[in-house]
Amino acid sequence: MHSHGHHHDHNHSHAAYQGSMNTKAFILAIVLNAAFVVIEFLYGYWSDSLALMADAGHNLGDVAGLAISLLAFRMAAKSPNANYTFGYSKGTILASLANAILLLLTVGSIGYEAVTRLYNPETPHWQSISMVAGIGIVINTATALLFMKGKELNNRAAFLHMAADAGVSAAVVIGGFLISWTGISQIDPIISLLICGVIVVGSWGLLKSSMRLSLDGVPQNIDPDKIREAALAVPGVRDIHHLHIWAMSTTRNALTAHLLIKEGLSYDDVHHLKKELKHAWQHLNIQHATVETETEHHDDCEDCRTVGSFD
């Protein structure tokens, strides 16, 4: 028991340290990218570059995404209370849903303007386009490097997203040179539409995932069949039913289930069974589980019918 307690405390201190490091990385990334969004949008407006304004909208979505990830760390640190027994971390799912909707609305506005400019082109200042987008490559690459060493899922996602954004900024730079070389002003709205396509692809997946989690659907990274297999692999478990799996936040999942267990097990046997099952489910990304154990003749074996909850 003492060994287990020590391990538990060590995990919490390690998690707290990682949370502190993640918080600093996300705050720095948010400040850098928010400043760049303002610069990019103002230069895009001044130079009549819809591509720059479209990329600014894209980067604004990135800032919101980084803020949501930071919010997830902060909300996860808040303790549950009598009114919010699971804490406040579900708010990260709602924030992700709002972010996805906002991004799609932004795409609609930019897309409409881009189509209009295809028929009524305006010649942008390509030097401003290339210069500002070049700054974007530097900022996005620097931001990606902040998360390169992180193994946590949010860190990995942030790294991949910012690395992709560096590629988008590179496309805008190339577009600026193409306009200068060819004199074809329609290149600007075409690039804007391509950026809109990138935003739609990313936002659509975010929207579907957020809707799924908001409706308490099984998270996409959870396989119910593997959850069942893990339960049936534990000695003493005969069947599992009334299985419900949902997300408490964008990073934590919960589960409730009824287990049909072998008759004649003692209280200690059942406790060990649940502990073993908890360990197996943790490897399948279940952080909180509540199970009820029962036997086929539980009316005749009240000692075998227990309710167990573990985190």
C-alpha atoms as a PDB file:
ATOM      1  CA  MET A   1       0.000   0.000   0.000  1.00  0.00           C
ATOM      2  CA  HIS A   2       2.825   2.416   0.848  1.00  0.00           C
ATOM      3  CA  SER A   3       4.579   1.671  -2.405  1.00  0.00           C
ATOM      4  CA  HIS A   4       1.410   2.347  -4.361  1.00  0.00           C
ATOM      5  CA  GLY A   5       0.882   5.656  -2.570  1.00  0.00           C
ATOM      6  CA  HIS A   6       4.415   6.767  -3.331  1.00  0.00           C
ATOM      7  CA  HIS A   7       3.964   5.954  -7.002  1.00  0.00           C
ATOM      8  CA  HIS A   8       0.690   7.862  -7.057  1.00  0.00           C
ATOM      9  CA  ASP A   9       2.276  10.995  -5.552  1.00  0.00           C
ATOM     10  CA  HIS A  10       5.215  10.768  -7.927  1.00  0.00           C
ATOM     11  CA  ASN A  11       2.868  10.693 -10.911  1.00  0.00           C
ATOM     12  CA  HIS A  12       1.038  13.758  -9.651  1.00  0.00           C
ATOM     13  CA  SER A  13       4.262  15.719  -9.099  1.00  0.00           C
ATOM     14  CA  HIS A  14       5.531  14.692 -12.534  1.00  0.00           C
ATOM     15  CA  ALA A  15       2.198  15.686 -14.098  1.00  0.00           C
ATOM     16  CA  ALA A  16       2.280  19.022 -12.280  1.00  0.00           C
ATOM     17  CA  TYR A  17       5.814  19.679 -13.605  1.00  0.00           C
ATOM     18  CA  GLN A  18       4.788  18.755 -17.151  1.00  0.00           C
ATOM     19  CA  GLY A  19       1.671  20.918 -16.811  1.00  0.00           C
ATOM     20  CA  SER A  20       3.825  23.893 -15.781  1.00  0.00           C
ATOM     21  CA  MET A  21       6.146  23.378 -18.746  1.00  0.00           C
ATOM     22  CA  ASN A  22       3.194  22.989 -21.121  1.00  0.00           C
ATOM     23  CA  THR A  23       1.575  26.152 -19.759  1.00  0.00           C
ATOM     24  CA  LYS A  24       4.721  28.218 -20.445  1.00  0.00           C
ATOM     25  CA  ALA A  25       5.061  26.795 -23.964  1.00  0.00           C
ATOM     26  CA  PHE A  26       1.428  27.457 -24.812  1.00  0.00           C
ATOM     27  CA  ILE A  27       1.481  31.009 -23.403  1.00  0.00           C
ATOM     28  CA  LEU A  28       4.585  31.884 -25.435  1.00  0.00           C
ATOM     29  CA  ALA A  29       3.075  30.308 -28.556  1.00  0.00           C
ATOM     30  CA  ILE A  30      -0.192  32.213 -28.089  1.00  0.00           C
ATOM     31  CA  VAL A  31       1.598  35.562 -27.660  1.00  0.00           C
ATOM     32  CA  LEU A  32       3.814  35.021 -30.726  1.00  0.00           C
ATOM     33  CA  ASN A  33       0.976  33.903 -32.979  1.00  0.00           C
ATOM     34  CA  ALA A  34      -1.540  36.504 -31.771  1.00  0.00           C
ATOM     35  CA  ALA A  35       0.981  39.279 -32.542  1.00  0.00           C
ATOM     36  CA  PHE A  36       1.572  37.794 -35.984  1.00  0.00           C
ATOM     37  CA  VAL A  37      -2.180  37.578 -36.703  1.00  0.00           C
ATOM     38  CA  VAL A  38      -2.526  41.331 -36.107  1.00  0.00           C
ATOM     39  CA  ILE A  39       0.496  42.142 -38.280  1.00  0.00           C
ATOM     40  CA  GLU A  40      -0.588  39.803 -41.070  1.00  0.00           C
ATOM     41  CA  PHE A  41      -4.172  41.045 -41.184  1.00  0.00           C
ATOM     42  CA  LEU A  42      -3.168  44.734 -41.170  1.00  0.00           C
ATOM     43  CA  TYR A  43      -0.604  44.220 -43.935  1.00  0.00           C
ATOM     44  CA  GLY A  44      -3.104  42.161 -45.911  1.00  0.00           C
ATOM     45  CA  TYR A  45      -5.702  44.903 -45.607  1.00  0.00           C
ATOM     46  CA  TRP A  46      -3.181  47.615 -46.500  1.00  0.00           C
ATOM     47  CA  SER A  47      -1.800  45.706 -49.508  1.00  0.00           C
ATOM     48  CA  ASP A  48      -5.197  44.417 -50.734  1.00  0.00           C
ATOM     49  CA  SER A  49      -3.975  40.836 -50.300  1.00  0.00           C
ATOM     50  CA  LEU A  50      -6.839  38.467 -49.598  1.00  0.00           C
ATOM     51  CA  ALA A  51      -4.310  35.637 -49.299  1.00  0.00           C
ATOM     52  CA  LEU A  52      -2.665  37.353 -46.334  1.00  0.00           C
ATOM     53  CA  MET A  53      -6.032  38.085 -44.695  1.00  0.00           C
ATOM     54  CA  ALA A  54      -7.123  34.471 -45.286  1.00  0.00           C
ATOM     55  CA  ASP A  55      -3.921  33.178 -43.705  1.00  0.00           C
ATOM     56  CA  ALA A  56      -4.461  35.611 -40.808  1.00  0.00           C
ATOM     57  CA  GLY A  57      -7.890  34.028 -40.297  1.00  0.00           C
ATOM     58  CA  HIS A  58      -6.261  30.609 -40.380  1.00  0.00           C
ATOM     59  CA  ASN A  59      -3.650  31.660 -37.829  1.00  0.00           C
ATOM     60  CA  LEU A  60      -6.354  33.190 -35.632  1.00  0.00           C
ATOM     61  CA  GLY A  61      -7.894  29.731 -35.524  1.00  0.00           C
ATOM     62  CA  ASP A  62      -4.509  28.384 -34.454  1.00  0.00           C
ATOM     63  CA  VAL A  63      -4.359  30.924 -31.619  1.00  0.00           C
ATOM     64  CA  ALA A  64      -7.823  29.809 -30.516  1.00  0.00           C
ATOM     65  CA  GLY A  65      -6.709  26.188 -30.698  1.00  0.00           C
ATOM     66  CA  LEU A  66      -3.631  26.885 -28.593  1.00  0.00           C
ATOM     67  CA  ALA A  67      -5.778  28.803 -26.107  1.00  0.00           C
ATOM     68  CA  ILE A  68      -8.186  25.863 -25.886  1.00  0.00           C
ATOM     69  CA  SER A  69      -5.291  23.503 -25.153  1.00  0.00           C
ATOM     70  CA  LEU A  70      -4.022  25.874 -22.459  1.00  0.00           C
ATOM     71  CA  LEU A  71      -7.550  26.081 -21.073  1.00  0.00           C
ATOM     72  CA  ALA A  72      -7.628  22.286 -20.914  1.00  0.00           C
ATOM     73  CA  PHE A  73      -4.565  22.268 -18.640  1.00  0.00           C
ATOM     74  CA  ARG A  74      -6.032  24.983 -16.420  1.00  0.00           C
ATOM     75  CA  MET A  75      -9.492  23.422 -16.183  1.00  0.00           C
ATOM     76  CA  ALA A  76      -8.058  19.964 -15.502  1.00  0.00           C
ATOM     77  CA  ALA A  77      -6.318  21.437 -12.454  1.00  0.00           C
ATOM     78  CA  LYS A  78      -9.620  22.525 -10.897  1.00  0.00           C
ATOM     79  CA  SER A  79     -11.057  20.123  -8.353  1.00  0.00           C
ATOM     80  CA  PRO A  80     -14.575  18.676  -8.721  1.00  0.00           C
ATOM     81  CA  ASN A  81     -17.251  20.001  -6.385  1.00  0.00           C
ATOM     82  CA  ALA A  82     -20.804  19.169  -5.309  1.00  0.00           C
ATOM     83  CA  ASN A  83     -22.327  20.787  -8.401  1.00  0.00           C
ATOM     84  CA  TYR A  84     -19.662  19.747 -10.938  1.00  0.00           C
ATOM     85  CA  THR A  85     -18.706  16.266  -9.804  1.00  0.00           C
ATOM     86  CA  PHE A  86     -16.462  15.659 -12.832  1.00  0.00           C
ATOM     87  CA  GLY A  87     -14.869  19.101 -12.586  1.00  0.00           C
ATOM     88  CA  TYR A  88     -14.849  21.680 -15.396  1.00  0.00           C
ATOM     89  CA  SER A  89     -12.813  19.908 -18.039  1.00  0.00           C
ATOM     90  CA  LYS A  90     -15.841  19.242 -20.273  1.00  0.00           C
ATOM     91  CA  GLY A  91     -15.685  22.938 -21.133  1.00  0.00           C
ATOM     92  CA  THR A  92     -12.706  22.177 -23.364  1.00  0.00           C
ATOM     93  CA  ILE A  93     -14.999  20.116 -25.603  1.00  0.00           C
ATOM     94  CA  LEU A  94     -17.546  22.946 -25.865  1.00  0.00           C
ATOM     95  CA  ALA A  95     -14.744  25.403 -26.603  1.00  0.00           C
ATOM     96  CA  SER A  96     -13.466  23.133 -29.389  1.00  0.00           C
ATOM     97  CA  LEU A  97     -16.967  23.004 -30.883  1.00  0.00           C
ATOM     98  CA  ALA A  98     -17.258  26.810 -30.795  1.00  0.00           C
ATOM     99  CA  ASN A  99     -13.811  27.119 -32.365  1.00  0.00           C
ATOM    100  CA  ALA A 100     -14.720  24.784 -35.230  1.00  0.00           C
ATOM    101  CA  ILE A 101     -17.957  26.681 -35.962  1.00  0.00           C
ATOM    102  CA  LEU A 102     -16.137  30.019 -35.885  1.00  0.00           C
ATOM    103  CA  LEU A 103     -13.479  28.750 -38.299  1.00  0.00           C
ATOM    104  CA  LEU A 104     -16.101  27.528 -40.777  1.00  0.00           C
ATOM    105  CA  LEU A 105     -17.912  30.879 -40.642  1.00  0.00           C
ATOM    106  CA  THR A 106     -14.594  32.619 -41.299  1.00  0.00           C
ATOM    107  CA  VAL A 107     -13.973  30.350 -44.293  1.00  0.00           C
ATOM    108  CA  GLY A 108     -17.389  31.241 -45.721  1.00  0.00           C
ATOM    109  CA  SER A 109     -16.639  34.953 -45.544  1.00  0.00           C
ATOM    110  CA  ILE A 110     -13.146  34.627 -47.029  1.00  0.00           C
ATOM    111  CA  GLY A 111     -14.344  32.213 -49.714  1.00  0.00           C
ATOM    112  CA  TYR A 112     -17.090  34.597 -50.848  1.00  0.00           C
ATOM    113  CA  GLU A 113     -14.612  37.458 -51.164  1.00  0.00           C
ATOM    114  CA  ALA A 114     -12.128  35.240 -53.011  1.00  0.00           C
ATOM    115  CA  VAL A 115     -14.686  34.171 -55.625  1.00  0.00           C
ATOM    116  CA  THR A 116     -15.683  37.818 -56.094  1.00  0.00           C
ATOM    117  CA  ARG A 117     -12.058  38.797 -56.696  1.00  0.00           C
ATOM    118  CA  LEU A 118     -11.620  36.060 -59.278  1.00  0.00           C
ATOM    119  CA  TYR A 119     -14.019  38.022 -61.486  1.00  0.00           C
ATOM    120  CA  ASN A 120     -12.996  41.488 -60.288  1.00  0.00           C
ATOM    121  CA  PRO A 121      -9.278  41.146 -59.500  1.00  0.00           C
ATOM    122  CA  GLU A 122      -7.282  43.673 -57.493  1.00  0.00           C
ATOM    123  CA  THR A 123      -3.526  43.811 -57.799  1.00  0.00           C
ATOM    124  CA  PRO A 124      -1.934  43.347 -54.349  1.00  0.00           C
ATOM    125  CA  HIS A 125       1.522  44.519 -53.275  1.00  0.00           C
ATOM    126  CA  TRP A 126       3.442  41.289 -53.724  1.00  0.00           C
ATOM    127  CA  GLN A 127       6.456  42.582 -51.779  1.00  0.00           C
ATOM    128  CA  SER A 128       4.302  42.956 -48.630  1.00  0.00           C
ATOM    129  CA  ILE A 129       2.756  39.526 -49.193  1.00  0.00           C
ATOM    130  CA  SER A 130       6.119  37.774 -49.403  1.00  0.00           C
ATOM    131  CA  MET A 131       7.671  39.725 -46.536  1.00  0.00           C
ATOM    132  CA  VAL A 132       4.838  39.138 -44.050  1.00  0.00           C
ATOM    133  CA  ALA A 133       4.346  35.505 -45.048  1.00  0.00           C
ATOM    134  CA  GLY A 134       8.100  35.031 -44.635  1.00  0.00           C
ATOM    135  CA  ILE A 135       7.750  36.282 -41.048  1.00  0.00           C
ATOM    136  CA  GLY A 136       4.972  33.695 -40.688  1.00  0.00           C
ATOM    137  CA  ILE A 137       7.345  30.901 -41.703  1.00  0.00           C
ATOM    138  CA  VAL A 138       9.768  31.956 -38.953  1.00  0.00           C
ATOM    139  CA  ILE A 139       7.078  32.304 -36.254  1.00  0.00           C
ATOM    140  CA  ASN A 140       5.280  29.065 -37.135  1.00  0.00           C
ATOM    141  CA  THR A 141       8.551  27.133 -37.249  1.00  0.00           C
ATOM    142  CA  ALA A 142       9.661  28.603 -33.906  1.00  0.00           C
ATOM    143  CA  THR A 143       6.266  27.730 -32.386  1.00  0.00           C
ATOM    144  CA  ALA A 144       6.449  24.176 -33.713  1.00  0.00           C
ATOM    145  CA  LEU A 145       9.890  23.757 -32.098  1.00  0.00           C
ATOM    146  CA  LEU A 146       8.359  24.632 -28.701  1.00  0.00           C
ATOM    147  CA  PHE A 147       6.292  21.430 -28.886  1.00  0.00           C
ATOM    148  CA  MET A 148       8.709  19.178 -30.778  1.00  0.00           C
ATOM    149  CA  LYS A 149       9.970  17.334 -27.659  1.00  0.00           C
ATOM    150  CA  GLY A 150       6.573  16.950 -25.980  1.00  0.00           C
ATOM    151  CA  LYS A 151       5.136  13.425 -25.919  1.00  0.00           C
ATOM    152  CA  GLU A 152       1.692  14.451 -24.672  1.00  0.00           C
ATOM    153  CA  LEU A 153      -1.033  14.310 -27.342  1.00  0.00           C
ATOM    154  CA  ASN A 154      -1.813  18.036 -27.232  1.00  0.00           C
ATOM    155  CA  ASN A 155       1.873  18.862 -27.672  1.00  0.00           C
ATOM    156  CA  ARG A 156       2.182  16.520 -30.629  1.00  0.00           C
ATOM    157  CA  ALA A 157      -0.934  17.955 -32.261  1.00  0.00           C
ATOM    158  CA  ALA A 158       0.331  21.516 -31.750  1.00  0.00           C
ATOM    159  CA  PHE A 159       3.698  20.606 -33.312  1.00  0.00           C
ATOM    160  CA  LEU A 160       2.125  19.061 -36.413  1.00  0.00           C
ATOM    161  CA  HIS A 161      -0.365  21.921 -36.799  1.00  0.00           C
ATOM    162  CA  MET A 162       2.224  24.686 -36.557  1.00  0.00           C
ATOM    163  CA  ALA A 163       4.590  22.822 -38.894  1.00  0.00           C
ATOM    164  CA  ALA A 164       1.758  22.633 -41.447  1.00  0.00           C
ATOM    165  CA  ASP A 165       1.121  26.368 -40.988  1.00  0.00           C
ATOM    166  CA  ALA A 166       4.745  27.074 -41.832  1.00  0.00           C
ATOM    167  CA  GLY A 167       4.068  25.265 -45.099  1.00  0.00           C
ATOM    168  CA  VAL A 168       0.952  27.397 -45.749  1.00  0.00           C
ATOM    169  CA  SER A 169       2.963  30.588 -45.179  1.00  0.00           C
ATOM    170  CA  ALA A 170       5.561  29.261 -47.616  1.00  0.00           C
ATOM    171  CA  ALA A 171       2.774  28.835 -50.200  1.00  0.00           C
ATOM    172  CA  VAL A 172       1.779  32.490 -49.723  1.00  0.00           C
ATOM    173  CA  VAL A 173       5.414  33.566 -50.277  1.00  0.00           C
ATOM    174  CA  ILE A 174       5.507  31.565 -53.497  1.00  0.00           C
ATOM    175  CA  GLY A 175       2.208  33.182 -54.532  1.00  0.00           C
ATOM    176  CA  GLY A 176       3.686  36.643 -54.022  1.00  0.00           C
ATOM    177  CA  PHE A 177       6.605  35.852 -56.314  1.00  0.00           C
ATOM    178  CA  LEU A 178       4.263  34.331 -58.908  1.00  0.00           C
ATOM    179  CA  ILE A 179       2.175  37.519 -58.968  1.00  0.00           C
ATOM    180  CA  SER A 180       5.337  39.574 -59.447  1.00  0.00           C
ATOM    181  CA  TRP A 181       6.593  37.267 -62.186  1.00  0.00           C
ATOM    182  CA  THR A 182       3.361  36.732 -64.137  1.00  0.00           C
ATOM    183  CA  GLY A 183       1.320  39.809 -63.260  1.00  0.00           C
ATOM    184  CA  ILE A 184      -1.738  37.582 -62.827  1.00  0.00           C
ATOM    185  CA  SER A 185      -3.716  39.104 -59.951  1.00  0.00           C
ATOM    186  CA  GLN A 186      -6.083  36.107 -59.752  1.00  0.00           C
ATOM    187  CA  ILE A 187      -3.262  34.135 -58.135  1.00  0.00           C
ATOM    188  CA  ASP A 188      -4.066  35.916 -54.850  1.00  0.00           C
ATOM    189  CA  PRO A 189      -7.725  34.745 -54.564  1.00  0.00           C
ATOM    190  CA  ILE A 190      -6.750  31.280 -55.855  1.00  0.00           C
ATOM    191  CA  ILE A 191      -4.254  30.929 -53.010  1.00  0.00           C
ATOM    192  CA  SER A 192      -6.951  32.232 -50.649  1.00  0.00           C
ATOM    193  CA  LEU A 193      -9.292  29.457 -51.772  1.00  0.00           C
ATOM    194  CA  LEU A 194      -6.548  26.867 -51.298  1.00  0.00           C
ATOM    195  CA  ILE A 195      -5.982  28.136 -47.748  1.00  0.00           C
ATOM    196  CA  CYS A 196      -9.748  27.967 -47.173  1.00  0.00           C
ATOM    197  CA  GLY A 197      -9.612  24.353 -48.280  1.00  0.00           C
ATOM    198  CA  VAL A 198      -6.900  23.629 -45.716  1.00  0.00           C
ATOM    199  CA  ILE A 199      -9.004  25.294 -43.001  1.00  0.00           C
ATOM    200  CA  VAL A 200     -12.128  23.342 -43.996  1.00  0.00           C
ATOM    201  CA  VAL A 201     -10.300  20.006 -43.887  1.00  0.00           C
ATOM    202  CA  GLY A 202      -8.913  20.709 -40.416  1.00  0.00           C
ATOM    203  CA  SER A 203     -12.079  22.343 -39.089  1.00  0.00           C
ATOM    204  CA  TRP A 204     -14.408  19.642 -40.389  1.00  0.00           C
ATOM    205  CA  GLY A 205     -12.545  16.962 -38.473  1.00  0.00           C
ATOM    206  CA  LEU A 206     -12.530  19.183 -35.389  1.00  0.00           C
ATOM    207  CA  LEU A 207     -16.258  19.862 -35.795  1.00  0.00           C
ATOM    208  CA  LYS A 208     -17.120  16.162 -36.098  1.00  0.00           C
ATOM    209  CA  SER A 209     -14.958  15.212 -33.119  1.00  0.00           C
ATOM    210  CA  SER A 210     -16.347  18.057 -30.992  1.00  0.00           C
ATOM    211  CA  MET A 211     -19.949  17.184 -31.880  1.00  0.00           C
ATOM    212  CA  ARG A 212     -19.292  13.529 -31.110  1.00  0.00           C
ATOM    213  CA  LEU A 213     -17.832  14.309 -27.693  1.00  0.00           C
ATOM    214  CA  SER A 214     -20.500  16.931 -26.917  1.00  0.00           C
ATOM    215  CA  LEU A 215     -23.160  14.266 -27.487  1.00  0.00           C
ATOM    216  CA  ASP A 216     -21.279  11.843 -25.198  1.00  0.00           C
ATOM    217  CA  GLY A 217     -20.328   9.598 -28.086  1.00  0.00           C
ATOM    218  CA  VAL A 218     -17.476   7.134 -27.724  1.00  0.00           C
ATOM    219  CA  PRO A 219     -14.210   9.047 -28.374  1.00  0.00           C
ATOM    220  CA  GLN A 220     -12.590   8.182 -31.688  1.00  0.00           C
ATOM    221  CA  ASN A 221      -9.422   6.898 -30.028  1.00  0.00           C
ATOM    222  CA  ILE A 222     -11.395   4.349 -27.970  1.00  0.00           C
ATOM    223  CA  ASP A 223     -12.322   0.925 -29.366  1.00  0.00           C
ATOM    224  CA  PRO A 224     -15.281  -0.567 -27.400  1.00  0.00           C
ATOM    225  CA  ASP A 225     -14.380  -4.050 -28.629  1.00  0.00           C
ATOM    226  CA  LYS A 226     -10.917  -3.757 -27.076  1.00  0.00           C
ATOM    227  CA  ILE A 227     -12.508  -2.531 -23.841  1.00  0.00           C
ATOM    228  CA  ARG A 228     -14.666  -5.677 -23.791  1.00  0.00           C
ATOM    229  CA  GLU A 229     -11.731  -7.920 -24.674  1.00  0.00           C
ATOM    230  CA  ALA A 230      -9.653  -6.424 -21.859  1.00  0.00           C
ATOM    231  CA  ALA A 231     -12.465  -7.114 -19.369  1.00  0.00           C
ATOM    232  CA  LEU A 232     -13.013 -10.701 -20.507  1.00  0.00           C
ATOM    233  CA  ALA A 233      -9.265 -11.365 -20.326  1.00  0.00           C
ATOM    234  CA  VAL A 234      -9.284 -10.731 -16.555  1.00  0.00           C
ATOM    235  CA  PRO A 235      -9.630 -14.035 -14.615  1.00  0.00           C
ATOM    236  CA  GLY A 236     -13.028 -14.271 -12.962  1.00  0.00           C
ATOM    237  CA  VAL A 237     -14.896 -12.039 -15.459  1.00  0.00           C
ATOM    238  CA  ARG A 238     -17.489 -13.949 -17.482  1.00  0.00           C
ATOM    239  CA  ASP A 239     -19.253 -11.138 -19.312  1.00  0.00           C
ATOM    240  CA  ILE A 240     -19.604  -7.355 -19.540  1.00  0.00           C
ATOM    241  CA  HIS A 241     -22.782  -5.405 -20.333  1.00  0.00           C
ATOM    242  CA  HIS A 242     -24.359  -1.957 -19.894  1.00  0.00           C
ATOM    243  CA  LEU A 243     -21.082  -0.535 -21.167  1.00  0.00           C
ATOM    244  CA  HIS A 244     -21.053   3.254 -21.564  1.00  0.00           C
ATOM    245  CA  ILE A 245     -17.992   5.250 -22.647  1.00  0.00           C
ATOM    246  CA  TRP A 246     -17.758   9.025 -22.974  1.00  0.00           C
ATOM    247  CA  ALA A 247     -15.272  11.903 -22.773  1.00  0.00           C
ATOM    248  CA  MET A 248     -14.929  14.049 -19.663  1.00  0.00           C
ATOM    249  CA  SER A 249     -12.633  16.403 -21.599  1.00  0.00           C
ATOM    250  CA  THR A 250     -10.549  16.397 -24.756  1.00  0.00           C
ATOM    251  CA  THR A 251      -7.931  14.304 -22.942  1.00  0.00           C
ATOM    252  CA  ARG A 252      -9.796  12.277 -20.280  1.00  0.00           C
ATOM    253  CA  ASN A 253     -12.357   9.509 -20.778  1.00  0.00           C
ATOM    254  CA  ALA A 254     -14.842   7.807 -18.468  1.00  0.00           C
ATOM    255  CA  LEU A 255     -16.587   4.439 -18.445  1.00  0.00           C
ATOM    256  CA  THR A 256     -19.393   2.652 -16.595  1.00  0.00           C
ATOM    257  CA  ALA A 257     -20.197  -1.036 -16.926  1.00  0.00           C
ATOM    258  CA  HIS A 258     -21.732  -4.114 -15.290  1.00  0.00           C
ATOM    259  CA  LEU A 259     -19.468  -7.135 -14.926  1.00  0.00           C
ATOM    260  CA  LEU A 260     -20.761 -10.685 -14.625  1.00  0.00           C
ATOM    261  CA  ILE A 261     -18.187 -12.469 -12.475  1.00  0.00           C
ATOM    262  CA  LYS A 262     -17.584 -16.030 -11.337  1.00  0.00           C
ATOM    263  CA  GLU A 263     -19.504 -17.160  -8.278  1.00  0.00           C
ATOM    264  CA  GLY A 264     -17.779 -17.710  -4.967  1.00  0.00           C
ATOM    265  CA  LEU A 265     -15.285 -14.839  -5.184  1.00  0.00           C
ATOM    266  CA  SER A 266     -14.465 -13.123  -1.902  1.00  0.00           C
ATOM    267  CA  TYR A 267     -14.478  -9.367  -1.370  1.00  0.00           C
ATOM    268  CA  ASP A 268     -10.681  -9.315  -1.717  1.00  0.00           C
ATOM    269  CA  ASP A 269     -10.886 -11.339  -4.938  1.00  0.00           C
ATOM    270  CA  VAL A 270     -13.346  -8.838  -6.420  1.00  0.00           C
ATOM    271  CA  HIS A 271     -11.201  -5.913  -5.293  1.00  0.00           C
ATOM    272  CA  HIS A 272      -8.124  -7.462  -6.960  1.00  0.00           C
ATOM    273  CA  LEU A 273     -10.162  -8.180 -10.112  1.00  0.00           C
ATOM    274  CA  LYS A 274     -11.269  -4.543 -10.379  1.00  0.00           C
ATOM    275  CA  LYS A 275      -7.753  -3.292  -9.750  1.00  0.00           C
ATOM    276  CA  GLU A 276      -6.379  -5.493 -12.527  1.00  0.00           C
ATOM    277  CA  LEU A 277      -9.131  -4.353 -14.877  1.00  0.00           C
ATOM    278  CA  LYS A 278      -8.464  -0.710 -14.045  1.00  0.00           C
ATOM    279  CA  HIS A 279      -4.831  -1.165 -15.044  1.00  0.00           C
ATOM    280  CA  ALA A 280      -5.792  -2.795 -18.350  1.00  0.00           C
ATOM    281  CA  TRP A 281      -8.300  -0.040 -19.197  1.00  0.00           C
ATOM    282  CA  GLN A 282      -5.811   2.711 -18.388  1.00  0.00           C
ATOM    283  CA  HIS A 283      -3.668   1.382 -21.235  1.00  0.00           C
ATOM    284  CA  LEU A 284      -6.739   1.825 -23.463  1.00  0.00           C
ATOM    285  CA  ASN A 285      -7.064   5.516 -22.489  1.00  0.00           C
ATOM    286  CA  ILE A 286      -9.778   5.172 -19.830  1.00  0.00           C
ATOM    287  CA  GLN A 287      -8.917   7.450 -16.903  1.00  0.00           C
ATOM    288  CA  HIS A 288     -12.089   7.064 -14.805  1.00  0.00           C
ATOM    289  CA  ALA A 289     -14.182   3.907 -14.499  1.00  0.00           C
ATOM    290  CA  THR A 290     -17.166   2.865 -12.396  1.00  0.00           C
ATOM    291  CA  VAL A 291     -18.202  -0.790 -12.433  1.00  0.00           C
ATOM    292  CA  GLU A 292     -20.832  -2.934 -10.780  1.00  0.00           C
ATOM    293  CA  THR A 293     -20.038  -6.593 -10.308  1.00  0.00           C
ATOM    294  CA  GLU A 294     -22.701  -9.284 -10.131  1.00  0.00           C
ATOM    295  CA  THR A 295     -23.097 -13.048 -10.421  1.00  0.00           C
ATOM    296  CA  GLU A 296     -25.715 -15.108 -12.204  1.00  0.00           C
ATOM    297  CA  HIS A 297     -27.251 -15.899  -8.801  1.00  0.00           C
ATOM    298  CA  HIS A 298     -26.387 -12.639  -7.046  1.00  0.00           C
ATOM    299  CA  ASP A 299     -29.533 -12.894  -4.896  1.00  0.00           C
ATOM    300  CA  ASP A 300     -27.966 -15.926  -3.225  1.00  0.00           C
ATOM    301  CA  CYS A 301     -24.529 -14.373  -2.969  1.00  0.00           C
ATOM    302  CA  GLU A 302     -24.797 -10.884  -1.575  1.00  0.00           C
ATOM    303  CA  ASP A 303     -21.099 -10.845  -0.669  1.00  0.00           C
ATOM    304  CA  CYS A 304     -20.226 -11.209  -4.345  1.00  0.00           C
ATOM    305  CA  ARG A 305     -22.436  -8.333  -5.441  1.00  0.00           C
ATOM    306  CA  THR A 306     -20.454  -5.149  -5.007  1.00  0.00           C
ATOM    307  CA  VAL A 307     -20.260  -1.721  -6.500  1.00  0.00           C
ATOM    308  CA  GLY A 308     -16.777  -0.455  -7.227  1.00  0.00           C
ATOM    309  CA  SER A 309     -15.521   2.912  -8.398  1.00  0.00           C
ATOM    310  CA  PHE A 310     -11.956   3.805  -9.193  1.00  0.00           C
ATOM    311  CA  ASP A 311     -10.175   6.729 -10.823  1.00  0.00           C
END
